[in-house]
Structure formats: C-alpha cells, structure tokens
Protein backbone atom coordinates (compact mmCIF):
# COMPACT_ATOMS: atom_id res chain seq x y z
CA MET A 1 -8.52 -32.68 -21.32
CA ALA A 2 -4.85 -33.63 -21.33
CA ILE A 3 -2.16 -31.09 -22.08
CA GLN A 4 0.29 -32.05 -24.78
CA THR A 5 3.82 -32.32 -23.37
CA GLY A 6 5.99 -29.42 -24.47
CA SER A 7 3.03 -27.44 -25.76
CA LYS A 8 2.74 -23.65 -25.42
CA LEU A 9 -0.15 -24.19 -23.01
CA GLN A 10 1.92 -26.49 -20.81
CA LYS A 11 4.73 -23.94 -20.68
CA LEU A 12 2.29 -21.16 -19.88
CA LEU A 13 0.55 -22.97 -17.03
CA ALA A 14 3.88 -24.15 -15.60
CA SER A 15 5.17 -20.58 -15.42
CA TRP A 16 1.93 -19.11 -14.04
CA PRO A 17 2.12 -18.50 -10.27
CA SER A 18 -0.92 -19.86 -8.46
CA GLY A 19 -3.38 -17.08 -7.67
CA ALA A 20 -1.77 -14.51 -9.98
CA VAL A 21 -3.56 -12.49 -12.63
CA PHE A 22 -1.95 -12.14 -16.05
CA THR A 23 -2.82 -9.43 -18.53
CA THR A 24 -3.54 -10.28 -22.13
CA ALA A 25 -1.12 -7.54 -23.18
CA GLY A 26 1.68 -9.18 -21.21
CA LEU A 27 0.84 -12.61 -22.56
CA LYS A 28 0.81 -11.27 -26.10
CA GLU A 29 4.37 -10.05 -25.59
CA ARG A 30 5.28 -13.61 -24.62
CA GLY A 31 3.90 -14.93 -27.90
CA TYR A 32 0.34 -15.82 -26.93
CA SER A 33 -2.07 -14.34 -29.44
CA HIS A 34 -5.59 -13.18 -28.71
CA VAL A 35 -6.93 -16.13 -30.70
CA LEU A 36 -4.81 -18.63 -28.76
CA LEU A 37 -5.82 -17.18 -25.39
CA ASN A 38 -9.47 -17.37 -26.42
CA GLN A 39 -8.96 -21.05 -27.24
CA TYR A 40 -7.44 -21.66 -23.78
CA ARG A 41 -10.36 -19.88 -22.16
CA THR A 42 -12.97 -21.71 -24.24
CA SER A 43 -11.29 -25.03 -23.41
CA GLY A 44 -11.49 -24.23 -19.69
CA TRP A 45 -7.79 -23.75 -18.92
CA LEU A 46 -8.09 -20.01 -18.26
CA VAL A 47 -10.85 -17.79 -16.89
CA SER A 48 -11.51 -14.10 -17.40
CA VAL A 49 -10.97 -11.63 -14.56
CA GLY A 50 -12.31 -8.86 -16.76
CA ARG A 51 -11.54 -7.41 -20.14
CA GLY A 52 -7.79 -7.74 -20.61
CA ALA A 53 -6.97 -10.02 -17.65
CA LEU A 54 -6.95 -13.77 -17.06
CA ALA A 55 -6.39 -16.29 -14.28
CA ARG A 56 -5.76 -20.02 -14.26
CA ALA A 57 -8.95 -22.03 -13.96
CA GLY A 58 -9.41 -23.35 -10.43
CA ASP A 59 -7.11 -20.81 -8.77
CA GLN A 60 -8.24 -18.83 -5.75
CA VAL A 61 -7.61 -15.28 -6.96
CA ASP A 62 -7.90 -12.23 -4.72
CA TRP A 63 -6.82 -8.58 -4.86
CA ARG A 64 -3.20 -9.56 -4.34
CA GLY A 65 -3.18 -11.40 -7.64
CA GLY A 66 -4.56 -8.28 -9.30
CA LEU A 67 -2.00 -6.02 -7.61
CA TYR A 68 0.76 -8.33 -8.81
CA ALA A 69 -0.37 -7.80 -12.40
CA LEU A 70 -0.51 -4.03 -11.94
CA HIS A 71 3.08 -3.56 -10.82
CA GLU A 72 4.85 -6.57 -12.30
CA GLN A 73 3.25 -6.71 -15.74
CA LEU A 74 1.78 -3.26 -16.37
CA LYS A 75 4.62 -1.52 -14.45
CA LEU A 76 2.19 0.88 -12.75
CA ALA A 77 3.32 2.94 -9.77
CA VAL A 78 0.88 1.40 -7.29
CA HIS A 79 1.43 -0.48 -4.04
CA LEU A 80 -0.28 -1.64 -0.85
CA GLY A 81 0.15 1.13 1.70
CA GLY A 82 -0.97 2.82 4.90
CA LYS A 83 -2.77 0.81 7.54
CA SER A 84 -3.23 -2.10 5.12
CA ALA A 85 0.53 -2.44 4.67
CA LEU A 86 1.04 -2.35 8.44
CA ASN A 87 -1.58 -5.01 8.87
CA TYR A 88 -0.14 -7.19 6.13
CA GLN A 89 3.22 -7.16 7.90
CA GLY A 90 1.66 -8.00 11.25
CA SER A 91 2.06 -4.58 12.82
CA SER A 92 -1.62 -4.08 13.71
CA HIS A 93 -2.93 -7.28 15.20
CA PHE A 94 -6.34 -5.83 16.07
CA LEU A 95 -7.25 -5.40 12.39
CA ASN A 96 -8.66 -8.04 10.07
CA LEU A 97 -7.34 -7.80 6.51
CA GLY A 98 -10.22 -9.90 5.23
CA THR A 99 -12.84 -7.33 6.23
CA GLU A 100 -11.10 -3.97 6.22
CA THR A 101 -10.66 -1.66 3.29
CA VAL A 102 -7.55 -2.49 1.25
CA ARG A 103 -5.67 0.77 0.77
CA LEU A 104 -3.57 1.16 -2.34
CA PHE A 105 -1.36 4.18 -3.01
CA ALA A 106 -0.54 5.31 -6.54
CA ALA A 107 1.40 8.11 -8.16
CA PRO A 108 -0.77 11.01 -9.36
CA GLY A 109 -2.11 10.39 -12.86
CA THR A 110 -1.89 6.60 -12.56
CA ARG A 111 -4.84 5.02 -14.35
CA LEU A 112 -5.78 1.56 -13.15
CA PRO A 113 -7.34 -0.75 -15.76
CA ARG A 114 -11.06 -1.31 -15.64
CA TRP A 115 -10.65 -5.04 -15.08
CA PHE A 116 -9.06 -4.23 -11.72
CA THR A 117 -11.37 -1.42 -10.58
CA SER A 118 -14.59 -3.19 -11.55
CA HIS A 119 -13.77 -6.72 -10.39
CA ASP A 120 -15.36 -7.99 -7.18
CA TRP A 121 -12.36 -8.74 -4.97
CA LYS A 122 -14.64 -9.48 -1.97
CA VAL A 123 -13.08 -6.54 -0.09
CA THR A 124 -13.34 -2.79 -0.55
CA VAL A 125 -10.32 -1.54 -2.46
CA THR A 126 -9.59 2.19 -2.15
CA VAL A 127 -6.89 3.93 -4.19
CA PHE A 128 -5.20 7.12 -2.99
CA ALA A 129 -3.25 9.14 -5.54
CA THR A 130 -0.50 11.14 -3.86
CA ASN A 131 3.02 12.47 -4.36
CA LEU A 132 3.78 12.15 -0.65
CA PHE A 133 7.21 10.87 -1.60
CA PRO A 134 9.07 11.75 -4.81
CA ASP A 135 10.21 8.20 -5.52
CA ASP A 136 9.98 4.60 -4.36
CA ILE A 137 11.91 4.98 -1.10
CA GLY A 138 10.61 2.82 1.68
CA LEU A 139 8.88 0.29 -0.57
CA THR A 140 9.47 -3.43 -0.21
CA SER A 141 7.95 -6.71 -1.37
CA GLN A 142 6.37 -9.53 0.56
CA ASN A 143 5.31 -13.05 -0.21
CA ALA A 144 1.70 -13.59 -1.27
CA GLY A 145 1.92 -17.31 -1.85
CA ALA A 146 3.46 -18.15 -5.21
CA PHE A 147 4.33 -14.55 -6.01
CA SER A 148 5.25 -11.29 -4.26
CA ILE A 149 3.44 -7.97 -4.02
CA LYS A 150 4.83 -4.46 -3.65
CA LEU A 151 3.98 -2.69 -0.41
CA SER A 152 5.19 0.02 1.92
CA SER A 153 7.68 -0.82 4.63
CA ARG A 154 6.37 -0.20 8.13
CA GLU A 155 8.22 3.12 8.16
CA ARG A 156 6.62 4.42 4.97
CA ALA A 157 3.24 2.90 5.85
CA ILE A 158 2.86 4.96 9.02
CA PHE A 159 3.66 8.14 7.05
CA GLU A 160 0.90 7.19 4.60
CA THR A 161 -1.47 6.50 7.48
CA LEU A 162 -0.78 9.98 8.85
CA TYR A 163 -1.38 11.42 5.38
CA LEU A 164 -4.99 10.20 5.62
CA ALA A 165 -5.53 11.64 9.11
CA PRO A 166 -7.81 12.96 10.37
CA GLN A 167 -10.23 12.89 7.39
CA SER A 168 -9.92 9.20 6.43
CA GLN A 169 -8.05 7.89 9.44
CA SER A 170 -8.72 8.69 13.09
CA LEU A 171 -5.90 10.18 15.13
CA GLU A 172 -6.81 7.88 18.01
CA GLU A 173 -6.16 4.81 15.88
CA VAL A 174 -2.93 6.33 14.55
CA LYS A 175 -1.81 6.62 18.17
CA LEU A 176 -2.49 2.91 18.71
CA LEU A 177 -0.74 1.96 15.50
CA MET A 178 2.31 4.10 16.07
CA GLY A 179 2.62 3.06 19.70
CA GLY A 180 3.49 -0.43 18.51
CA LEU A 181 6.25 0.69 16.15
CA THR A 182 9.06 0.64 18.67
CA ASN A 183 11.68 -0.86 16.37
CA LEU A 184 11.51 1.22 13.19
CA ARG A 185 14.79 1.72 11.35
CA PRO A 186 16.12 5.20 12.21
CA GLN A 187 18.02 5.53 8.93
CA MET A 188 14.88 4.81 6.90
CA VAL A 189 12.79 7.15 9.07
CA GLN A 190 15.38 9.89 8.53
CA HIS A 191 15.32 9.35 4.77
CA LEU A 192 11.52 9.49 4.71
CA LEU A 193 11.38 12.63 6.86
CA GLU A 194 13.79 14.41 4.54
CA SER A 195 11.95 13.26 1.41
CA CYS A 196 8.32 13.68 2.51
CA THR A 197 6.51 16.48 0.66
CA SER A 198 3.85 17.10 3.32
CA VAL A 199 4.63 19.46 6.19
CA LYS A 200 1.55 18.23 8.04
CA VAL A 201 2.65 14.60 7.84
CA LYS A 202 6.22 15.31 8.97
CA ARG A 203 5.08 17.37 11.96
CA LEU A 204 2.41 14.87 12.94
CA PHE A 205 4.87 11.99 12.64
CA MET A 206 7.34 13.62 15.02
CA LEU A 207 4.62 14.82 17.37
CA PHE A 208 3.37 11.26 17.82
CA ALA A 209 6.87 9.79 17.99
CA GLU A 210 7.99 12.19 20.71
CA GLU A 211 4.76 12.08 22.73
CA LEU A 212 4.87 8.27 22.68
CA LYS A 213 8.58 8.34 23.59
CA LEU A 214 9.54 5.89 20.87
CA PRO A 215 13.15 4.75 21.34
CA TRP A 216 14.45 5.45 17.80
CA VAL A 217 13.63 9.18 18.00
CA LYS A 218 16.94 9.99 19.69
CA ARG A 219 18.81 8.70 16.62
CA LEU A 220 17.17 11.17 14.22
CA ASN A 221 18.73 14.42 13.01
CA LEU A 222 15.82 16.83 12.79
CA ASP A 223 18.06 19.71 11.70
CA LYS A 224 17.96 18.18 8.23
CA VAL A 225 14.14 18.13 8.08
CA ASP A 226 12.05 21.02 6.71
CA PHE A 227 9.02 21.37 8.97
CA GLY A 228 7.74 24.53 7.30
CA THR A 229 6.38 27.55 9.16
CA GLY A 230 3.10 28.62 10.70
CA ALA A 231 0.41 26.80 12.64
CA ARG A 232 -1.83 24.11 11.11
CA THR A 233 -5.30 23.15 12.33
CA LEU A 234 -6.22 19.47 12.08
CA VAL A 235 -9.38 19.58 14.22
CA LYS A 236 -11.62 22.37 15.40
CA GLY A 237 -11.77 23.10 19.10
CA GLY A 238 -8.56 21.28 19.91
CA LYS A 239 -5.30 22.46 21.45
CA THR A 240 -2.14 23.51 19.65
CA HIS A 241 0.98 21.50 20.28
CA PRO A 242 3.66 23.99 21.39
CA LYS A 243 6.53 22.51 19.37
CA TYR A 244 4.91 21.33 16.15
CA LEU A 245 2.11 23.94 16.02
CA LEU A 246 -0.59 21.43 15.10
CA THR A 247 -4.07 21.71 16.57
CA ILE A 248 -5.05 18.21 17.69
CA PRO A 249 -7.74 16.84 20.05
CA ALA A 250 -7.11 18.14 23.56
CA ASP A 251 -7.31 14.68 25.12
CA LEU A 252 -5.20 12.81 22.55
CA PHE A 253 -2.15 12.79 24.83
CA GLY A 254 -3.69 13.30 28.20
CA GLY A 255 -4.79 16.87 27.62
CA ASP A 256 -1.32 18.41 28.14
CA ASN A 257 -0.61 19.49 24.55
CA GLN A 258 -1.35 23.20 24.69
C-alpha cells in the first residue's frame, strides 16, 4: 500500500527512529488520535508492543527501543545501569549483553508501564529502585542505532554495581570489573562519592580502588566524603578491612585484609 505524499502517516513514519517504541499517549499529543493509530495498525504500518505502545512494522525492536520510550516520551526516571551499563560501553569484555540480565535503575516509586514489563524482550530485564544518588549526576546517553538511550557513565555504573554486592553481584566479579577502570574521571568520582547516600557503597568503592591501586585515587579528596561510623559486615566468616571496617572474604585481596 502506497503512502500518500505529505500525509500524516508519511510524516509520522519519516520521524520515527528505526527500532524505537512510541507510546500512544505521546503520539496523541502530536495529533494522532486513537482511531487514526488503529487504522495505521490495521493497515499494517504499525504493530503493537503492548497496550499503549507501538513500533513501525518490520523494525527490529529490542529493550533499548522500549527504554527510549520510557525516558524520552514518558519522562520516567529510569536508565541502564550497573554491570549492564559498563558492558554497553565496552568496559567488561567478558560479558555478553545478548544473554545477561539487563539491569535498569529507577527512582523509588517509579512505575513502569505494563507494556514494558510484560513484553518479551528476549533478555531478562531487572529493575532496581534506589535513591543511591539524589539526582541525575553521572548519567549520560549513548547511541542505540537511530536513537540514544540514557545510561550510567562508567563512574556511576561501578557504584551501582557495588550497591548490588554481595547479594545480587559477587565481590569477585566486582574486583574484575573495577580492575579494568584505570581511567575514570577523578572529578566525577569525587562528585559521586560526595553525593552517594550509601555508606556501604562508598566504603566498598574506596576499598577496592585502593587495594587495586587504581591511578586516579591519588587525585581524590576523601576529607569531603562522609564514610559514616562503625563496622559493617558484608559476608559471614570473612575478615574486617582495617581502614574501611567492612567484613569481606578473607581471600578477596590475597588474604591480607584483617
């Protein structure tokens, strides 16, 4: 079926990034009624991604297209984070984004639409609600083909990875991940350390950074960071790090953290 030149459908398809999901609410604001969208879908120009979301017929749509709709159209405080953000930016070459769990981070109270949570994205999508940081510091965007998605910078992503440790993220893998982050931006790390709301995460971040002798550590001003007081136990039967008072596996750094 040919598209009439200058038609509303032609304008819509021309402005629709390949692989992106559009919400019916957002399209309605652009002047596309529910009746008109149903006509486009019935005619085979659009396909449903779930109740309230559409994609262009023939497009290869994955979770990135859904995430794009969440933050660009619905303005939800959600982004790709943690290990998934590191992997997406090429910082963990031993992970396969096509098979691992996609980790999204959202502000507490954020409700994702059912079309997103119930759709089969061909990967496991896990959402973590946290107020680890009070605002959007350390977030960036990266190309996902014809559009961009919001994700954590490598600096923020490793903080989020530590937030999940050791319950949902092994400390051994964190060590491997962080060992490769030799060129983090000290100014951004400083900002994140001062803004982070978790004492555990801040202590664990510096413990790993210092034990791994990462070069940017010497450019940080830890006098401005609140590390809290008292010891914290991360694992049972481990040893307590003398400086950061965290109980971690005895053999994590050669068995000398006691």
